[in-house]
Amino acid sequence: MKILKYLAIAIACLAMIACDDEISTIGSSLNASNIEITVDSTFVKLSGKSVFTDSILGRTTDPLLGNLTVSNYGTLRTGYLTQFMPTLNIDTLNVTPATLDSIKLYLNYYDTDLTGDSLAPMVLDVYRLDKTLKGPLYTNIDPLEYYSPRNLIASCTFGSTTEGFIDENNSTDTETITYKRIAVDLPMSLGEEIFNEYKSNPEIFAMPSEFAKFFPGMYMNVSYGNGRVVNVKGIFMTMYYRAIDTEGEIDTLSYTYMGVTPEVYSINHFSLTPDEALKQNIEAGNATQDRVYVQAPIGYMPIIHFPTQNIIDKYNEKMSETHKIQNILNSLNFSIPAIVEDNALLSPPQHLLFIRASQVKDFFEKKQLPDDISTVYATYNKATKTYNFGNIGSYIRSIMQREDPTVTQDDETIALIPVQVLSETSSNYYNTTTSVTSVTPYCASPAIVQLDLSGAKIKITYTTQKAN
């Protein structure tokens, strides 16, 4: 235990505490002439276990596609079911089904969004869905509930070659290439069907839900190949057509497209077979309860026993000490080290969400954001190989301030969930602020990390006032 008795430091700390860190019923009348600050790290060590999770809420416009086997991880297989946002305008003036040129499915991605062997050949199959998707959608969805293997409408072999590169100006200069594109030729009959429906019922193209009744969507599945997964950053179904001009000649090529957007239902389908060596490590770690694994997008997730009661007991112990008349819980900093191999193919997830295990389902289904009280996220620090959750003192204070402050098992059963965090930055003349706009289960790439619970740090800081 370390005790600091420098008055200047104490006054500075009290100024910060008064803003937002003190317990509401105490602290406002501390006398700076008779205080001390205490930093205490003497808490029981964390314990936990790795629990296999075969499904997450996986609605996304940026799916993973491919198959990948990695030692000490396992075999991940992916598929994707999606509806499409309809186009609002198809030129029908002097256009007929006979002047339709082609219809294609485009999947765009960047080189940085690829994990595995970039040259491994794969076959992408595309099926038409039989019925519309309904939420909430989880990644253990059975695709056969929504499509029939008889409804294969296209198939394409793809690999990471220079001819797959494009840029915004359709340049062939490889130095200006910005992203790659998987292009799938769809049957002309589908283009004719969409065109005829637009001419007959253009109103359904104004509402995604109505359009989905006509065209429920697609299922995309890699039926051949192993060794690569791609995080797709844009999916478009594009129809090209030509009009006949006033002289009866075929005019220049035009197009219209339908994309995968957040407004329509879409879901990644995942299946994961864990590596046998990983399973053995999990069993050994669960036995000692000092090391747990985090996998993504599905797989093993850590459930830890957080020493909430022990922390509160420490606080109450300070309150009851002789000659101490007031006590403030300033902060509680929490961090966990990771065990990472420098040359590992798979990286640790960028963020972990600290949340009661009982609240995980509601948090994601209701699209909640971290409140920095019962939910807070940590960012992985590559330099220190640590997840630092920062000051989670508000979590402890929220329990102590309840009408019934009894610590429950729920308060000490914490899930650490790999998540993807999106934020936006706004600026004005005076300052720049960044706010979190979305927190979703991490689906951007396969990932794995081992956490060392025995090395976790829980550091609590108090400010106390002695009696005169």
Protein backbone atom coordinates (compact mmCIF):
# COMPACT_ATOMS: atom_id res chain seq x y z
CA MET A 1 0.00 0.00 0.00
CA LYS A 2 1.30 3.41 -0.95
CA ILE A 3 0.24 6.57 0.91
CA LEU A 4 0.78 10.04 -0.54
CA LYS A 5 0.47 12.99 1.80
CA TYR A 6 1.36 15.88 -0.42
CA LEU A 7 -1.24 18.56 0.02
CA ALA A 8 -0.92 20.01 -3.48
CA ILE A 9 -1.58 16.63 -5.07
CA ALA A 10 -4.50 16.05 -2.75
CA ILE A 11 -6.14 19.34 -3.64
CA ALA A 12 -5.74 18.63 -7.36
CA CYS A 13 -7.28 15.19 -6.95
CA LEU A 14 -10.17 16.62 -4.98
CA ALA A 15 -10.87 19.09 -7.76
CA MET A 16 -11.14 16.23 -10.24
CA ILE A 17 -13.21 14.11 -7.88
CA ALA A 18 -15.73 16.90 -7.41
CA CYS A 19 -16.49 16.83 -11.14
CA ASP A 20 -17.75 13.28 -11.55
CA ASP A 21 -15.96 10.65 -9.51
CA GLU A 22 -17.16 11.03 -5.94
CA ILE A 23 -19.98 9.08 -4.34
CA SER A 24 -22.92 11.43 -4.34
CA THR A 25 -23.58 11.36 -0.59
CA ILE A 26 -20.06 12.19 0.61
CA GLY A 27 -16.98 14.14 -0.24
CA SER A 28 -18.24 17.67 -0.77
CA SER A 29 -17.06 18.82 2.66
CA LEU A 30 -13.58 17.31 2.76
CA ASN A 31 -11.09 19.47 4.58
CA ALA A 32 -7.89 19.62 2.48
CA SER A 33 -5.83 20.16 5.63
CA ASN A 34 -6.53 16.67 6.89
CA ILE A 35 -6.66 14.25 3.98
CA GLU A 36 -4.67 11.40 2.50
CA ILE A 37 -4.77 9.60 -0.84
CA THR A 38 -4.42 5.82 -0.86
CA VAL A 39 -3.57 3.64 -3.85
CA ASP A 40 -4.36 -0.02 -3.20
CA SER A 41 -3.81 -3.02 -5.48
CA THR A 42 -4.24 -5.76 -2.87
CA PHE A 43 -7.20 -7.66 -4.35
CA VAL A 44 -7.81 -11.30 -5.05
CA LYS A 45 -6.70 -12.43 -8.50
CA LEU A 46 -9.20 -12.82 -11.28
CA SER A 47 -10.47 -16.24 -12.24
CA GLY A 48 -12.44 -17.32 -15.26
CA LYS A 49 -13.03 -19.88 -17.95
CA SER A 50 -13.36 -20.08 -21.74
CA VAL A 51 -16.92 -20.83 -22.87
CA PHE A 52 -17.62 -21.91 -26.45
CA THR A 53 -20.08 -19.64 -28.23
CA ASP A 54 -21.37 -20.97 -31.57
CA SER A 55 -23.39 -17.90 -32.52
CA ILE A 56 -23.46 -14.12 -32.29
CA LEU A 57 -25.80 -11.43 -33.56
CA GLY A 58 -24.22 -11.09 -37.00
CA ARG A 59 -26.22 -8.63 -39.07
CA THR A 60 -23.67 -6.85 -41.25
CA THR A 61 -23.19 -5.19 -44.63
CA ASP A 62 -19.49 -6.17 -44.61
CA PRO A 63 -19.50 -9.98 -44.52
CA LEU A 64 -16.68 -12.47 -44.23
CA LEU A 65 -16.53 -14.89 -47.15
CA GLY A 66 -14.20 -17.86 -47.49
CA ASN A 67 -12.85 -20.81 -45.56
CA LEU A 68 -9.72 -20.83 -43.41
CA THR A 69 -7.85 -23.37 -41.29
CA VAL A 70 -5.26 -22.09 -38.79
CA SER A 71 -3.34 -24.10 -36.21
CA ASN A 72 -4.31 -23.39 -32.59
CA TYR A 73 -7.48 -21.71 -33.92
CA GLY A 74 -9.50 -24.15 -36.00
CA THR A 75 -11.45 -24.21 -39.26
CA LEU A 76 -13.79 -21.32 -39.98
CA ARG A 77 -16.40 -21.63 -42.74
CA THR A 78 -18.56 -18.72 -43.78
CA GLY A 79 -21.61 -17.90 -45.89
CA TYR A 80 -23.82 -14.85 -46.35
CA LEU A 81 -27.56 -14.30 -46.71
CA THR A 82 -28.80 -10.86 -47.72
CA GLN A 83 -31.62 -8.82 -49.12
CA PHE A 84 -31.03 -5.83 -51.41
CA MET A 85 -31.99 -2.19 -51.28
CA PRO A 86 -33.97 -1.72 -54.51
CA THR A 87 -33.17 0.93 -57.09
CA LEU A 88 -35.56 3.86 -57.25
CA ASN A 89 -35.20 4.35 -60.98
CA ILE A 90 -34.86 2.07 -63.98
CA ASP A 91 -34.97 3.80 -67.36
CA THR A 92 -37.85 2.19 -69.25
CA LEU A 93 -38.08 4.76 -72.04
CA ASN A 94 -37.07 3.06 -75.29
CA VAL A 95 -35.64 0.17 -73.22
CA THR A 96 -36.91 -3.38 -73.60
CA PRO A 97 -35.85 -6.74 -72.18
CA ALA A 98 -34.13 -7.29 -75.54
CA THR A 99 -31.86 -4.27 -74.98
CA LEU A 100 -30.69 -5.41 -71.54
CA ASP A 101 -26.94 -5.96 -71.77
CA SER A 102 -26.01 -7.89 -68.61
CA ILE A 103 -26.54 -8.18 -64.86
CA LYS A 104 -23.64 -8.70 -62.46
CA LEU A 105 -23.00 -9.18 -58.77
CA TYR A 106 -19.98 -7.23 -57.48
CA LEU A 107 -18.20 -7.83 -54.19
CA ASN A 108 -15.51 -5.24 -53.39
CA TYR A 109 -12.68 -5.59 -50.87
CA TYR A 110 -9.25 -4.21 -50.05
CA ASP A 111 -6.00 -6.16 -49.79
CA THR A 112 -5.84 -5.27 -46.10
CA ASP A 113 -9.21 -7.02 -45.60
CA LEU A 114 -7.87 -10.44 -46.55
CA THR A 115 -6.61 -13.14 -44.17
CA GLY A 116 -4.71 -16.18 -45.43
CA ASP A 117 -3.32 -17.17 -48.83
CA SER A 118 -4.17 -14.46 -51.36
CA LEU A 119 -3.63 -16.85 -54.29
CA ALA A 120 -5.75 -19.79 -53.12
CA PRO A 121 -8.47 -20.40 -55.77
CA MET A 122 -12.04 -20.52 -54.53
CA VAL A 123 -15.49 -21.02 -55.99
CA LEU A 124 -18.33 -18.73 -54.98
CA ASP A 125 -21.87 -20.07 -55.46
CA VAL A 126 -24.87 -17.74 -55.50
CA TYR A 127 -28.41 -18.94 -54.75
CA ARG A 128 -31.72 -17.15 -54.85
CA LEU A 129 -33.55 -17.08 -51.51
CA ASP A 130 -37.02 -18.64 -51.28
CA LYS A 131 -38.33 -16.38 -48.51
CA THR A 132 -37.50 -13.14 -46.75
CA LEU A 133 -35.17 -12.87 -43.77
CA LYS A 134 -36.60 -11.96 -40.37
CA GLY A 135 -34.71 -10.57 -37.38
CA PRO A 136 -33.10 -10.90 -34.97
CA LEU A 137 -30.54 -12.85 -37.00
CA TYR A 138 -27.78 -14.95 -35.45
CA THR A 139 -24.78 -16.49 -37.18
CA ASN A 140 -25.82 -20.09 -36.48
CA ILE A 141 -28.73 -19.57 -38.90
CA ASP A 142 -29.53 -22.58 -41.08
CA PRO A 143 -29.32 -21.31 -44.69
CA LEU A 144 -31.46 -24.23 -45.87
CA GLU A 145 -34.42 -22.59 -44.16
CA TYR A 146 -34.19 -19.79 -46.70
CA TYR A 147 -32.89 -21.33 -49.93
CA SER A 148 -32.95 -24.53 -51.95
CA PRO A 149 -29.78 -26.05 -53.43
CA ARG A 150 -31.81 -26.32 -56.66
CA ASN A 151 -31.90 -22.52 -56.90
CA LEU A 152 -28.25 -22.00 -57.90
CA ILE A 153 -28.26 -18.94 -60.17
CA ALA A 154 -24.52 -18.31 -60.62
CA SER A 155 -21.08 -19.63 -59.81
CA CYS A 156 -17.66 -18.06 -60.19
CA THR A 157 -14.01 -18.90 -59.51
CA PHE A 158 -12.08 -16.09 -57.87
CA GLY A 159 -8.56 -15.44 -56.68
CA SER A 160 -6.41 -12.47 -55.78
CA THR A 161 -5.04 -11.51 -59.22
CA THR A 162 -4.24 -8.13 -60.73
CA GLU A 163 -7.11 -8.38 -63.23
CA GLY A 164 -9.46 -8.34 -60.27
CA PHE A 165 -8.22 -4.88 -59.28
CA ILE A 166 -10.21 -1.73 -60.05
CA ASP A 167 -10.22 1.87 -58.96
CA GLU A 168 -12.82 4.61 -58.99
CA ASN A 169 -11.80 5.73 -62.48
CA ASN A 170 -11.61 2.18 -63.91
CA SER A 171 -7.90 2.71 -64.45
CA THR A 172 -5.68 -0.21 -65.46
CA ASP A 173 -2.64 1.44 -63.89
CA THR A 174 -1.72 -0.92 -61.05
CA GLU A 175 -0.11 1.95 -59.13
CA THR A 176 -3.50 3.70 -58.77
CA ILE A 177 -5.50 0.60 -57.88
CA THR A 178 -7.62 1.14 -54.76
CA TYR A 179 -9.54 -2.10 -54.25
CA LYS A 180 -10.37 -5.50 -55.73
CA ARG A 181 -13.62 -6.78 -57.10
CA ILE A 182 -15.13 -10.23 -57.39
CA ALA A 183 -17.49 -10.11 -60.39
CA VAL A 184 -20.20 -12.75 -60.81
CA ASP A 185 -22.23 -12.97 -64.03
CA LEU A 186 -25.91 -13.37 -63.13
CA PRO A 187 -28.44 -14.88 -65.55
CA MET A 188 -30.12 -12.48 -67.98
CA SER A 189 -33.46 -13.98 -66.97
CA LEU A 190 -33.06 -12.34 -63.54
CA GLY A 191 -32.43 -8.96 -65.15
CA GLU A 192 -35.50 -9.37 -67.36
CA GLU A 193 -37.60 -10.35 -64.36
CA ILE A 194 -36.51 -7.28 -62.38
CA PHE A 195 -37.06 -5.01 -65.40
CA ASN A 196 -40.55 -6.33 -66.09
CA GLU A 197 -41.51 -6.06 -62.41
CA TYR A 198 -40.39 -2.43 -62.34
CA LYS A 199 -42.55 -1.64 -65.38
CA SER A 200 -45.57 -3.37 -63.82
CA ASN A 201 -45.17 -2.43 -60.14
CA PRO A 202 -42.69 0.44 -59.73
CA GLU A 203 -44.13 1.27 -56.32
CA ILE A 204 -42.61 -1.83 -54.66
CA PHE A 205 -39.13 -0.53 -55.54
CA ALA A 206 -39.68 2.37 -53.14
CA MET A 207 -39.97 0.04 -50.13
CA PRO A 208 -37.28 -2.54 -49.30
CA SER A 209 -39.79 -4.73 -47.43
CA GLU A 210 -42.11 -4.87 -50.44
CA PHE A 211 -39.25 -5.44 -52.87
CA ALA A 212 -38.07 -8.36 -50.69
CA LYS A 213 -41.42 -10.09 -51.21
CA PHE A 214 -40.72 -10.06 -54.94
CA PHE A 215 -36.97 -10.78 -54.68
CA PRO A 216 -36.11 -12.16 -51.20
CA GLY A 217 -32.36 -11.94 -51.75
CA MET A 218 -29.30 -14.17 -52.17
CA TYR A 219 -27.24 -16.74 -50.35
CA MET A 220 -23.50 -16.65 -51.13
CA ASN A 221 -21.34 -19.59 -50.20
CA VAL A 222 -17.75 -20.63 -50.94
CA SER A 223 -18.26 -24.21 -52.08
CA TYR A 224 -14.66 -24.96 -53.01
CA GLY A 225 -11.32 -23.82 -51.61
CA ASN A 226 -9.71 -23.31 -48.22
CA GLY A 227 -7.03 -20.94 -47.05
CA ARG A 228 -8.50 -17.45 -47.25
CA VAL A 229 -11.32 -15.30 -45.89
CA VAL A 230 -12.19 -11.87 -47.28
CA ASN A 231 -13.94 -9.05 -45.44
CA VAL A 232 -16.16 -7.67 -48.21
CA LYS A 233 -16.66 -3.89 -48.08
CA GLY A 234 -19.45 -3.46 -50.60
CA ILE A 235 -21.96 -5.67 -52.44
CA PHE A 236 -23.88 -4.46 -55.49
CA MET A 237 -26.17 -6.11 -58.05
CA THR A 238 -25.77 -4.01 -61.19
CA MET A 239 -27.94 -4.20 -64.31
CA TYR A 240 -26.63 -2.78 -67.59
CA TYR A 241 -28.93 -1.84 -70.45
CA ARG A 242 -29.12 0.15 -73.68
CA ALA A 243 -31.87 2.38 -75.02
CA ILE A 244 -32.98 2.72 -78.63
CA ASP A 245 -32.69 6.30 -79.85
CA THR A 246 -35.14 8.14 -82.13
CA GLU A 247 -33.39 6.83 -85.20
CA GLY A 248 -33.73 3.24 -84.09
CA GLU A 249 -30.09 2.88 -83.12
CA ILE A 250 -28.89 1.34 -79.84
CA ASP A 251 -27.65 4.11 -77.56
CA THR A 252 -24.75 4.14 -75.08
CA LEU A 253 -24.59 1.73 -72.17
CA SER A 254 -26.34 2.76 -68.95
CA TYR A 255 -26.76 0.99 -65.64
CA THR A 256 -28.68 0.86 -62.38
CA TYR A 257 -27.71 -0.95 -59.21
CA MET A 258 -29.12 -2.42 -56.02
CA GLY A 259 -26.89 -2.61 -52.97
CA VAL A 260 -26.60 -4.22 -49.55
CA THR A 261 -27.25 -1.45 -47.03
CA PRO A 262 -27.95 -1.24 -43.26
CA GLU A 263 -31.67 -0.78 -44.02
CA VAL A 264 -32.11 -4.37 -45.27
CA TYR A 265 -31.68 -7.69 -43.49
CA SER A 266 -28.37 -9.45 -43.94
CA ILE A 267 -26.54 -12.11 -41.93
CA ASN A 268 -23.18 -13.85 -41.95
CA HIS A 269 -23.40 -17.60 -41.42
CA PHE A 270 -20.44 -19.00 -39.45
CA SER A 271 -19.35 -22.47 -38.40
CA LEU A 272 -16.14 -23.11 -36.48
CA THR A 273 -14.41 -26.36 -35.64
CA PRO A 274 -11.84 -25.55 -32.93
CA ASP A 275 -8.31 -26.90 -33.31
CA GLU A 276 -7.62 -29.93 -31.09
CA ALA A 277 -4.52 -28.31 -29.57
CA LEU A 278 -6.60 -25.25 -28.70
CA LYS A 279 -9.26 -27.41 -27.06
CA GLN A 280 -6.59 -29.05 -24.90
CA ASN A 281 -5.21 -25.64 -23.90
CA ILE A 282 -8.73 -24.50 -23.05
CA GLU A 283 -9.31 -27.51 -20.81
CA ALA A 284 -5.99 -26.92 -19.04
CA GLY A 285 -6.75 -23.21 -18.65
CA ASN A 286 -10.24 -23.86 -17.30
CA ALA A 287 -8.72 -26.18 -14.73
CA THR A 288 -6.32 -23.51 -13.40
CA GLN A 289 -8.70 -20.59 -14.10
CA ASP A 290 -5.83 -18.19 -14.77
CA ARG A 291 -5.79 -18.12 -18.59
CA VAL A 292 -8.67 -17.77 -20.99
CA TYR A 293 -9.02 -17.44 -24.76
CA VAL A 294 -10.92 -14.95 -26.88
CA GLN A 295 -11.87 -16.04 -30.40
CA ALA A 296 -13.70 -14.18 -33.15
CA PRO A 297 -16.05 -14.05 -34.88
CA ILE A 298 -17.34 -17.06 -32.91
CA GLY A 299 -15.64 -19.60 -30.67
CA TYR A 300 -14.31 -19.37 -27.14
CA MET A 301 -15.26 -16.32 -25.08
CA PRO A 302 -14.06 -15.56 -21.53
CA ILE A 303 -16.41 -15.44 -18.57
CA ILE A 304 -14.54 -14.03 -15.57
CA HIS A 305 -15.31 -13.74 -11.88
CA PHE A 306 -14.82 -10.06 -11.13
CA PRO A 307 -14.11 -9.39 -7.39
CA THR A 308 -16.90 -6.85 -6.93
CA GLN A 309 -17.63 -7.87 -3.33
CA ASN A 310 -13.95 -7.81 -2.41
CA ILE A 311 -13.56 -4.29 -3.80
CA ILE A 312 -16.59 -3.02 -1.87
CA ASP A 313 -15.35 -4.74 1.28
CA LYS A 314 -12.08 -2.83 0.93
CA TYR A 315 -13.98 0.40 0.62
CA ASN A 316 -16.14 -0.33 3.68
CA GLU A 317 -13.02 -1.31 5.60
CA LYS A 318 -11.62 2.15 4.95
CA MET A 319 -14.87 3.74 6.08
CA SER A 320 -14.78 1.88 9.39
CA GLU A 321 -11.15 2.57 10.25
CA THR A 322 -10.61 4.56 13.40
CA HIS A 323 -10.08 8.30 12.93
CA LYS A 324 -11.38 8.25 9.34
CA ILE A 325 -14.55 10.31 9.02
CA GLN A 326 -15.00 10.43 5.22
CA ASN A 327 -13.87 8.32 2.30
CA ILE A 328 -14.18 8.75 -1.47
CA LEU A 329 -13.69 6.06 -4.10
CA ASN A 330 -11.79 8.09 -6.69
CA SER A 331 -11.08 5.51 -9.37
CA LEU A 332 -10.71 1.83 -10.11
CA ASN A 333 -8.42 1.03 -13.01
CA PHE A 334 -8.58 -2.41 -14.62
CA SER A 335 -6.31 -4.00 -17.22
CA ILE A 336 -5.52 -7.52 -18.47
CA PRO A 337 -2.32 -8.58 -20.26
CA ALA A 338 -2.47 -10.70 -23.41
CA ILE A 339 -0.17 -13.50 -24.48
CA VAL A 340 0.57 -12.90 -28.17
CA GLU A 341 3.11 -14.43 -30.54
CA ASP A 342 4.80 -11.77 -32.65
CA ASN A 343 4.59 -13.82 -35.86
CA ALA A 344 1.04 -15.11 -35.39
CA LEU A 345 -1.18 -15.18 -38.51
CA LEU A 346 -4.23 -14.04 -36.55
CA SER A 347 -4.24 -10.83 -34.52
CA PRO A 348 -6.04 -10.15 -31.23
CA PRO A 349 -9.47 -8.49 -31.52
CA GLN A 350 -9.05 -4.73 -31.38
CA HIS A 351 -11.63 -4.19 -28.63
CA LEU A 352 -13.12 -6.14 -25.71
CA LEU A 353 -16.43 -5.22 -24.10
CA PHE A 354 -16.77 -5.52 -20.28
CA ILE A 355 -20.40 -6.46 -19.62
CA ARG A 356 -22.47 -8.61 -17.25
CA ALA A 357 -22.90 -11.99 -18.95
CA SER A 358 -26.66 -11.77 -18.40
CA GLN A 359 -26.88 -8.52 -20.39
CA VAL A 360 -25.06 -9.55 -23.57
CA LYS A 361 -28.15 -10.58 -25.57
CA ASP A 362 -30.13 -7.40 -24.85
CA PHE A 363 -27.12 -5.15 -25.39
CA PHE A 364 -26.60 -6.24 -28.99
CA GLU A 365 -30.23 -6.85 -29.97
CA LYS A 366 -31.21 -3.38 -28.74
CA LYS A 367 -28.14 -1.79 -30.37
CA GLN A 368 -27.04 -0.22 -27.12
CA LEU A 369 -23.84 1.77 -26.63
CA PRO A 370 -21.38 1.51 -23.72
CA ASP A 371 -22.54 3.70 -20.85
CA ASP A 372 -19.17 3.64 -19.02
CA ILE A 373 -21.00 2.30 -15.99
CA SER A 374 -22.21 -1.26 -16.55
CA THR A 375 -20.60 -1.53 -19.98
CA VAL A 376 -17.17 -0.29 -21.00
CA TYR A 377 -14.73 -1.33 -23.71
CA ALA A 378 -10.95 -1.69 -23.82
CA THR A 379 -8.69 -1.18 -26.82
CA TYR A 380 -5.80 -3.57 -27.41
CA ASN A 381 -2.41 -1.91 -26.93
CA LYS A 382 0.00 -3.63 -29.32
CA ALA A 383 3.08 -2.10 -27.67
CA THR A 384 2.24 -3.30 -24.14
CA LYS A 385 0.14 -6.31 -25.21
CA THR A 386 -2.57 -5.23 -22.81
CA TYR A 387 -6.30 -4.53 -22.76
CA ASN A 388 -6.83 -1.49 -20.54
CA PHE A 389 -10.45 -0.82 -19.51
CA GLY A 390 -9.48 2.42 -17.80
CA ASN A 391 -11.43 3.72 -14.83
CA ILE A 392 -14.44 1.48 -14.11
CA GLY A 393 -15.11 2.96 -10.68
CA SER A 394 -18.61 3.90 -11.85
CA TYR A 395 -19.47 0.21 -12.09
CA ILE A 396 -18.72 -0.27 -8.37
CA ARG A 397 -20.44 2.97 -7.37
CA SER A 398 -23.59 2.03 -9.31
CA ILE A 399 -23.88 -1.14 -7.20
CA MET A 400 -23.20 0.65 -3.90
CA GLN A 401 -25.84 3.27 -4.68
CA ARG A 402 -28.62 0.81 -5.45
CA GLU A 403 -31.61 0.60 -3.11
CA ASP A 404 -30.40 -2.91 -2.32
CA PRO A 405 -26.58 -2.77 -2.58
CA THR A 406 -26.16 -6.49 -1.98
CA VAL A 407 -23.61 -7.87 -4.44
CA THR A 408 -25.14 -10.66 -6.52
CA GLN A 409 -23.57 -13.39 -8.61
CA ASP A 410 -24.70 -11.41 -11.64
CA ASP A 411 -22.55 -8.46 -10.50
CA GLU A 412 -19.45 -10.66 -10.47
CA THR A 413 -20.06 -12.73 -13.64
CA ILE A 414 -18.54 -10.67 -16.44
CA ALA A 415 -18.22 -11.51 -20.13
CA LEU A 416 -15.39 -10.06 -22.21
CA ILE A 417 -16.80 -9.89 -25.73
CA PRO A 418 -14.73 -9.03 -28.84
CA VAL A 419 -16.43 -6.08 -30.51
CA GLN A 420 -16.10 -3.70 -33.39
CA VAL A 421 -16.39 -0.04 -32.35
CA LEU A 422 -17.38 2.67 -34.80
CA SER A 423 -17.14 6.35 -33.93
CA GLU A 424 -17.45 9.75 -35.54
CA THR A 425 -15.52 12.94 -34.94
CA SER A 426 -16.99 16.43 -35.00
CA SER A 427 -15.14 19.71 -34.72
CA ASN A 428 -15.95 23.34 -34.06
CA TYR A 429 -13.92 26.45 -33.39
CA TYR A 430 -13.24 25.44 -29.79
CA ASN A 431 -12.66 21.69 -29.73
CA THR A 432 -12.89 18.30 -31.41
CA THR A 433 -15.03 15.53 -29.95
CA THR A 434 -15.28 11.85 -30.82
CA SER A 435 -18.37 9.85 -29.98
CA VAL A 436 -19.08 6.13 -30.33
CA THR A 437 -21.89 5.44 -32.80
CA SER A 438 -21.98 1.64 -32.91
CA VAL A 439 -20.69 -1.36 -30.97
CA THR A 440 -21.29 -4.76 -32.60
CA PRO A 441 -19.85 -8.27 -32.23
CA TYR A 442 -16.50 -8.45 -34.02
CA CYS A 443 -16.93 -10.02 -37.48
CA ALA A 444 -14.25 -8.25 -39.54
CA SER A 445 -11.73 -11.12 -39.53
CA PRO A 446 -10.84 -14.33 -37.68
CA ALA A 447 -9.00 -13.39 -34.49
CA ILE A 448 -7.69 -15.03 -31.33
CA VAL A 449 -5.86 -14.00 -28.17
CA GLN A 450 -5.01 -15.58 -24.83
CA LEU A 451 -5.60 -13.48 -21.71
CA ASP A 452 -3.44 -13.89 -18.59
CA LEU A 453 -5.86 -13.42 -15.70
CA SER A 454 -3.10 -13.96 -13.15
CA GLY A 455 -1.41 -10.81 -14.46
CA ALA A 456 -4.54 -8.64 -14.41
CA LYS A 457 -4.28 -5.39 -12.45
CA ILE A 458 -7.08 -3.85 -10.38
CA LYS A 459 -5.91 -0.60 -8.80
CA ILE A 460 -8.24 1.39 -6.55
CA THR A 461 -7.63 4.94 -5.35
CA TYR A 462 -9.29 6.47 -2.28
CA THR A 463 -9.28 9.90 -0.76
CA THR A 464 -9.89 9.91 3.00
CA GLN A 465 -10.20 12.57 5.69
CA LYS A 466 -9.04 12.01 9.24
CA ALA A 467 -10.85 13.33 12.25
CA ASN A 468 -9.19 16.34 13.86
